[in-house]
N, C-alpha and C. Protein backbone atom coordinates (compact mmCIF):
# COMPACT_ATOMS: atom_id res chain seq x y z
N MET A 1 0.80 -1.02 -0.01
CA MET A 1 0.07 0.03 -0.01
C MET A 1 1.10 1.27 -0.12
N ASP A 2 1.69 1.10 0.55
CA ASP A 2 2.78 2.56 0.93
C ASP A 2 3.38 2.82 -0.87
N ASP A 3 3.30 1.93 -1.51
CA ASP A 3 3.75 2.38 -2.98
C ASP A 3 2.93 2.99 -3.68
N ASN A 4 1.73 3.01 -3.25
CA ASN A 4 0.47 3.28 -4.02
C ASN A 4 0.74 5.24 -3.87
N PRO A 5 0.86 5.72 -4.98
CA PRO A 5 0.74 7.12 -4.89
C PRO A 5 -0.51 7.80 -4.57
N LEU A 6 -1.86 6.98 -4.63
CA LEU A 6 -2.99 7.46 -4.56
C LEU A 6 -3.18 7.40 -2.99
N PHE A 7 -2.41 6.48 -2.44
CA PHE A 7 -2.88 5.86 -0.78
C PHE A 7 -2.31 6.93 0.16
N ASP A 8 -3.06 7.86 0.92
CA ASP A 8 -2.04 8.34 1.65
C ASP A 8 -2.16 7.84 3.32
N GLY A 9 -1.21 7.10 3.71
CA GLY A 9 -1.21 6.27 4.87
C GLY A 9 -1.99 7.46 6.59
N GLY A 10 -1.55 8.74 6.12
CA GLY A 10 -2.04 9.29 7.17
C GLY A 10 -3.52 9.67 6.89
N GLN A 11 -4.31 9.43 5.87
CA GLN A 11 -5.43 9.93 5.86
C GLN A 11 -6.31 9.07 6.79
N ARG A 12 -7.25 9.92 7.28
CA ARG A 12 -8.43 9.68 8.27
C ARG A 12 -9.38 9.16 7.61
N ALA A 13 -9.65 7.98 8.28
CA ALA A 13 -11.02 7.08 7.61
C ALA A 13 -12.13 8.08 8.34
N ALA A 14 -13.22 7.72 7.25
CA ALA A 14 -14.54 8.28 7.13
C ALA A 14 -15.49 7.88 8.51
N ASN A 15 -16.01 8.75 8.67
CA ASN A 15 -17.23 8.81 9.72
C ASN A 15 -16.30 8.48 11.05
N ASP A 16 -14.81 8.32 11.19
CA ASP A 16 -14.25 8.28 12.47
C ASP A 16 -12.86 8.87 12.40
N PRO A 17 -12.99 10.18 13.06
CA PRO A 17 -11.55 10.85 12.85
C PRO A 17 -10.42 10.80 13.54
N GLY A 18 -10.73 9.68 14.62
CA GLY A 18 -9.82 9.35 15.36
C GLY A 18 -8.98 8.11 14.82
N ARG A 19 -9.05 7.75 13.95
CA ARG A 19 -8.63 6.14 13.30
C ARG A 19 -8.21 6.45 11.95
N PHE A 20 -7.12 6.15 11.91
CA PHE A 20 -6.26 6.22 10.60
C PHE A 20 -6.66 4.84 9.46
N LEU A 21 -6.70 5.31 8.42
CA LEU A 21 -6.87 4.01 7.52
C LEU A 21 -5.58 3.10 7.52
N TYR A 22 -4.42 3.51 7.64
CA TYR A 22 -3.37 2.52 7.42
C TYR A 22 -2.79 1.80 9.29
N THR A 23 -3.58 1.06 9.34
CA THR A 23 -3.34 0.08 10.84
C THR A 23 -2.09 -0.44 10.90
N GLY A 24 -1.67 -0.66 9.55
CA GLY A 24 -0.60 -1.73 9.69
C GLY A 24 0.34 -1.50 10.58
N THR A 25 0.64 -0.04 10.85
CA THR A 25 1.90 0.26 11.96
C THR A 25 2.04 -0.64 12.87
N LYS A 26 1.14 -1.24 13.59
CA LYS A 26 0.90 -1.83 14.98
C LYS A 26 1.29 -3.23 14.72
N GLN A 27 0.59 -3.70 13.62
CA GLN A 27 1.23 -5.28 13.19
C GLN A 27 2.54 -5.31 12.66
N GLU A 28 3.17 -4.17 12.24
CA GLU A 28 4.43 -4.13 11.76
C GLU A 28 5.66 -3.90 12.92
N LEU A 29 4.87 -3.16 13.90
CA LEU A 29 5.63 -3.23 15.19
C LEU A 29 6.19 -4.63 16.42
N GLN A 30 4.92 -5.05 15.88
CA GLN A 30 4.89 -6.13 16.63
C GLN A 30 5.97 -7.40 16.12
N GLU A 31 5.65 -7.30 14.55
CA GLU A 31 6.57 -8.22 13.73
C GLU A 31 8.16 -8.14 14.09
N LEU A 32 8.41 -6.28 14.00
CA LEU A 32 9.63 -6.31 14.48
C LEU A 32 10.27 -6.81 15.50
N LYS A 33 9.19 -6.43 16.48
CA LYS A 33 9.45 -7.02 18.25
C LYS A 33 9.98 -8.65 17.79
N GLN A 34 9.10 -9.15 17.21
CA GLN A 34 9.36 -10.42 17.33
C GLN A 34 10.47 -11.09 16.37
N SER A 35 10.92 -10.09 15.40
CA SER A 35 12.21 -10.33 14.76
C SER A 35 13.09 -10.04 15.46
N VAL A 36 13.13 -8.89 16.46
CA VAL A 36 14.13 -8.86 17.37
C VAL A 36 14.50 -9.95 18.50
N ALA A 37 13.47 -10.39 18.99
CA ALA A 37 13.67 -11.26 19.76
C ALA A 37 14.39 -12.60 19.27
N GLU A 38 13.54 -12.91 18.55
CA GLU A 38 14.35 -14.38 17.60
C GLU A 38 15.34 -14.04 17.55
N GLU A 39 15.97 -12.98 16.67
CA GLU A 39 17.47 -12.73 16.55
C GLU A 39 18.19 -12.84 17.77
N ASN A 40 17.84 -12.36 19.10
CA ASN A 40 18.72 -12.04 20.40
C ASN A 40 18.57 -13.50 20.75
N LEU A 41 17.39 -14.57 20.71
CA LEU A 41 17.39 -16.00 20.53
C LEU A 41 18.49 -16.60 20.06
N ALA A 42 18.90 -16.06 19.04
CA ALA A 42 19.99 -16.90 17.98
C ALA A 42 21.41 -16.25 18.39
N LEU A 43 21.11 -15.55 18.54
CA LEU A 43 22.83 -14.90 19.35
C LEU A 43 23.16 -15.89 20.40
N THR A 44 21.86 -16.07 21.41
CA THR A 44 22.46 -16.46 22.50
C THR A 44 22.76 -17.81 22.36
N ALA A 45 21.88 -18.66 21.71
CA ALA A 45 22.46 -19.85 21.50
C ALA A 45 23.90 -20.02 20.73
N GLY A 46 24.02 -19.13 19.62
CA GLY A 46 25.54 -19.08 19.10
C GLY A 46 26.54 -19.03 20.17
N ALA A 47 26.04 -17.74 21.04
CA ALA A 47 27.56 -17.69 22.35
C ALA A 47 27.42 -18.86 22.94
N LYS A 48 26.24 -19.76 23.48
CA LYS A 48 26.60 -20.70 24.22
C LYS A 48 27.32 -21.61 23.63
N ALA A 49 26.97 -22.09 21.84
CA ALA A 49 27.65 -23.37 21.25
C ALA A 49 29.06 -22.70 21.58
N ARG A 50 29.57 -21.79 21.30
CA ARG A 50 31.04 -21.13 21.05
C ARG A 50 31.53 -21.30 22.44
N ARG A 51 30.82 -21.30 23.36
CA ARG A 51 31.42 -21.39 24.88
C ARG A 51 31.67 -22.57 25.06
N GLN A 52 30.67 -23.94 24.54
CA GLN A 52 30.90 -25.19 24.75
C GLN A 52 32.03 -25.53 24.06
N ARG A 53 32.30 -25.43 22.90
CA ARG A 53 32.96 -26.04 22.10
C ARG A 53 34.73 -25.41 22.30
N ILE A 54 34.63 -24.47 23.14
CA ILE A 54 35.81 -23.79 23.44
C ILE A 54 36.35 -24.44 25.05
N ILE A 55 35.17 -25.04 25.76
CA ILE A 55 35.23 -25.81 26.98
C ILE A 55 35.85 -26.89 26.47
N GLY A 56 34.86 -27.54 25.11
CA GLY A 56 35.25 -28.96 24.85
C GLY A 56 36.90 -29.12 24.37
N ILE A 57 37.44 -27.75 23.63
CA ILE A 57 38.57 -28.18 23.10
C ILE A 57 39.60 -27.84 24.07
N THR A 58 39.46 -26.84 25.02
CA THR A 58 40.26 -26.88 26.41
C THR A 58 40.60 -28.31 27.11
N ILE A 59 39.50 -28.75 27.18
CA ILE A 59 39.56 -30.26 27.97
C ILE A 59 40.30 -31.42 27.47
N PHE A 60 39.88 -31.25 25.79
CA PHE A 60 41.04 -32.25 25.10
C PHE A 60 42.56 -31.83 25.08
N VAL A 61 42.85 -30.35 25.29
CA VAL A 61 43.99 -30.27 25.18
C VAL A 61 44.91 -30.47 26.37
N ALA A 62 44.09 -30.19 27.47
CA ALA A 62 44.39 -30.45 28.76
C ALA A 62 44.62 -32.28 29.06
N ILE A 63 43.81 -32.70 28.57
CA ILE A 63 44.11 -34.09 28.18
C ILE A 63 45.08 -34.84 27.49
N LEU A 64 45.22 -34.09 26.50
CA LEU A 64 46.51 -34.32 25.60
C LEU A 64 47.94 -33.88 26.53
N ALA A 65 47.88 -32.75 27.16
CA ALA A 65 49.09 -32.27 27.50
C ALA A 65 49.38 -33.24 28.60
N LEU A 66 48.76 -33.83 29.66
CA LEU A 66 48.38 -34.87 31.04
C LEU A 66 49.24 -36.24 30.12
N VAL A 67 48.34 -36.49 29.10
CA VAL A 67 49.02 -37.78 28.32
C VAL A 67 50.58 -37.90 27.98
N ALA A 68 51.14 -36.32 27.43
CA ALA A 68 52.33 -36.01 26.96
C ALA A 68 53.05 -36.29 28.17
N VAL A 69 52.92 -35.80 29.12
CA VAL A 69 53.59 -35.41 30.62
C VAL A 69 53.72 -36.99 30.88
N TYR A 70 53.03 -37.89 30.79
CA TYR A 70 52.70 -39.13 31.60
C TYR A 70 53.90 -39.80 30.59
N ALA A 71 53.74 -39.56 29.25
CA ALA A 71 54.74 -40.60 28.41
C ALA A 71 56.19 -39.67 28.30
N ILE A 72 56.00 -38.87 28.54
CA ILE A 72 57.67 -38.23 28.87
C ILE A 72 58.19 -38.72 30.27
N ILE A 73 57.37 -38.61 31.19
CA ILE A 73 57.75 -39.17 32.36
C ILE A 73 58.25 -40.86 32.44
N GLN A 74 57.21 -41.67 31.52
CA GLN A 74 57.75 -42.99 31.63
C GLN A 74 58.74 -43.29 30.52
N ILE A 75 59.43 -42.66 29.72
CA ILE A 75 60.51 -42.71 29.21
C ILE A 75 61.71 -42.28 29.53
N LEU A 76 61.67 -41.18 30.60
CA LEU A 76 62.89 -40.82 31.08
C LEU A 76 63.08 -41.35 32.30
N GLY A 77 61.77 -41.91 32.98
CA GLY A 77 62.00 -43.28 34.05
C GLY A 77 62.84 -44.79 34.14
N HIS A 78 62.61 -44.59 32.54
CA HIS A 78 63.45 -46.10 32.05
C HIS A 78 64.54 -45.75 31.81
């Protein structure tokens, strides 16, 4: 409707001076709020997955280091 040059979104509806013809603004605002909320949830989920991946890599590297130290002790001990 916004692309129509004959349509004025600010025009008041007939017989109701308090009501505008274009009432989609409230709907658009709701959709925008929902979109922002969904994006925030996606960002939170992404951050959580990144933290879990970093923790997993850290644990793997720590175990690998312990195995390397054990192997060095075994080799030098004999």
